[in-house]
Amino acid sequence: ELKSFFSEGIKKKDGQIVSSNVVKNELKDLVYSEDKSNPYNDEQLTIKLNKLGYIIARRTITKYREFLKIPVSRLRKI
């Protein structure tokens, strides 16, 4: 399908629209840099991304996390 060539857009607080791939990379960076003894849950990841200027919902974070095959916080705990 034609839509497979395009990614979704996420709006930032300054009005700029960025690709969802940018947000997914930010999400990966947050997860890989977190404290492994106390990993972030989806709500905390949402707050962190909102502070970075992205307007994004928790359910979207969950969808992206599952897409990236990142387990839930309790399974990432060491």
Protein backbone atom coordinates (compact mmCIF):
# COMPACT_ATOMS: atom_id res chain seq x y z
CA GLU A 1 0.00 0.00 0.00
CA LEU A 2 1.06 3.57 -0.60
CA LYS A 3 0.76 4.47 3.08
CA SER A 4 3.60 2.03 3.89
CA PHE A 5 6.03 4.59 2.42
CA PHE A 6 5.05 7.25 4.98
CA SER A 7 5.23 7.38 8.76
CA GLU A 8 2.85 9.02 11.18
CA GLY A 9 3.53 12.50 12.46
CA ILE A 10 3.74 13.65 16.07
CA LYS A 11 3.17 17.27 16.99
CA LYS A 12 5.60 19.06 19.26
CA LYS A 13 4.68 21.83 21.70
CA ASP A 14 6.21 24.43 19.37
CA GLY A 15 3.84 23.34 16.56
CA GLN A 16 6.46 21.46 14.58
CA ILE A 17 5.44 18.03 13.30
CA VAL A 18 8.06 15.28 13.46
CA SER A 19 8.06 11.73 12.20
CA SER A 20 7.02 8.97 14.58
CA ASN A 21 10.40 7.41 13.83
CA VAL A 22 12.05 10.31 15.65
CA VAL A 23 9.88 9.65 18.70
CA LYS A 24 10.62 5.92 18.54
CA ASN A 25 14.36 6.68 18.54
CA GLU A 26 13.92 8.98 21.55
CA LEU A 27 11.96 6.21 23.28
CA LYS A 28 14.74 3.70 22.58
CA ASP A 29 17.34 6.13 23.94
CA LEU A 30 15.34 6.65 27.13
CA VAL A 31 14.91 2.92 27.72
CA TYR A 32 18.55 2.08 27.06
CA SER A 33 19.81 4.87 29.33
CA GLU A 34 17.43 4.14 32.23
CA ASP A 35 18.47 2.71 35.58
CA LYS A 36 18.09 -1.05 35.05
CA SER A 37 17.23 -1.64 38.71
CA ASN A 38 14.32 0.82 38.45
CA PRO A 39 13.15 1.01 34.81
CA TYR A 40 10.58 3.54 33.59
CA ASN A 41 6.99 2.43 33.11
CA ASP A 42 4.92 3.73 30.19
CA GLU A 43 3.53 6.63 32.22
CA GLN A 44 7.02 7.78 33.22
CA LEU A 45 8.20 7.47 29.60
CA THR A 46 5.25 9.62 28.53
CA ILE A 47 6.18 12.30 31.07
CA LYS A 48 9.82 12.27 29.93
CA LEU A 49 8.85 12.62 26.24
CA ASN A 50 6.37 15.39 27.10
CA LYS A 51 9.22 17.25 28.84
CA LEU A 52 11.25 16.87 25.64
CA GLY A 53 8.45 18.73 23.84
CA TYR A 54 6.45 15.90 22.25
CA ILE A 55 2.66 15.87 22.63
CA ILE A 56 2.05 12.15 23.01
CA ALA A 57 -0.31 9.90 24.96
CA ARG A 58 0.61 6.93 27.13
CA ARG A 59 -1.24 4.50 24.85
CA THR A 60 0.90 5.71 21.94
CA ILE A 61 4.04 5.07 23.99
CA THR A 62 2.75 1.56 24.69
CA LYS A 63 2.11 1.00 20.98
CA TYR A 64 5.59 2.22 20.03
CA ARG A 65 7.24 0.20 22.81
CA GLU A 66 5.50 -2.97 21.60
CA PHE A 67 6.43 -2.17 17.99
CA LEU A 68 10.09 -1.85 19.04
CA LYS A 69 9.80 -5.14 20.97
CA ILE A 70 10.78 -3.46 24.24
CA PRO A 71 9.32 -5.41 27.18
CA VAL A 72 7.28 -3.83 29.97
CA SER A 73 9.21 -2.26 32.85
CA ARG A 74 8.89 -5.21 35.23
CA LEU A 75 10.48 -7.51 32.64
CA ARG A 76 13.34 -5.03 32.01
CA LYS A 77 14.23 -5.00 35.71
CA ILE A 78 17.53 -6.61 36.65
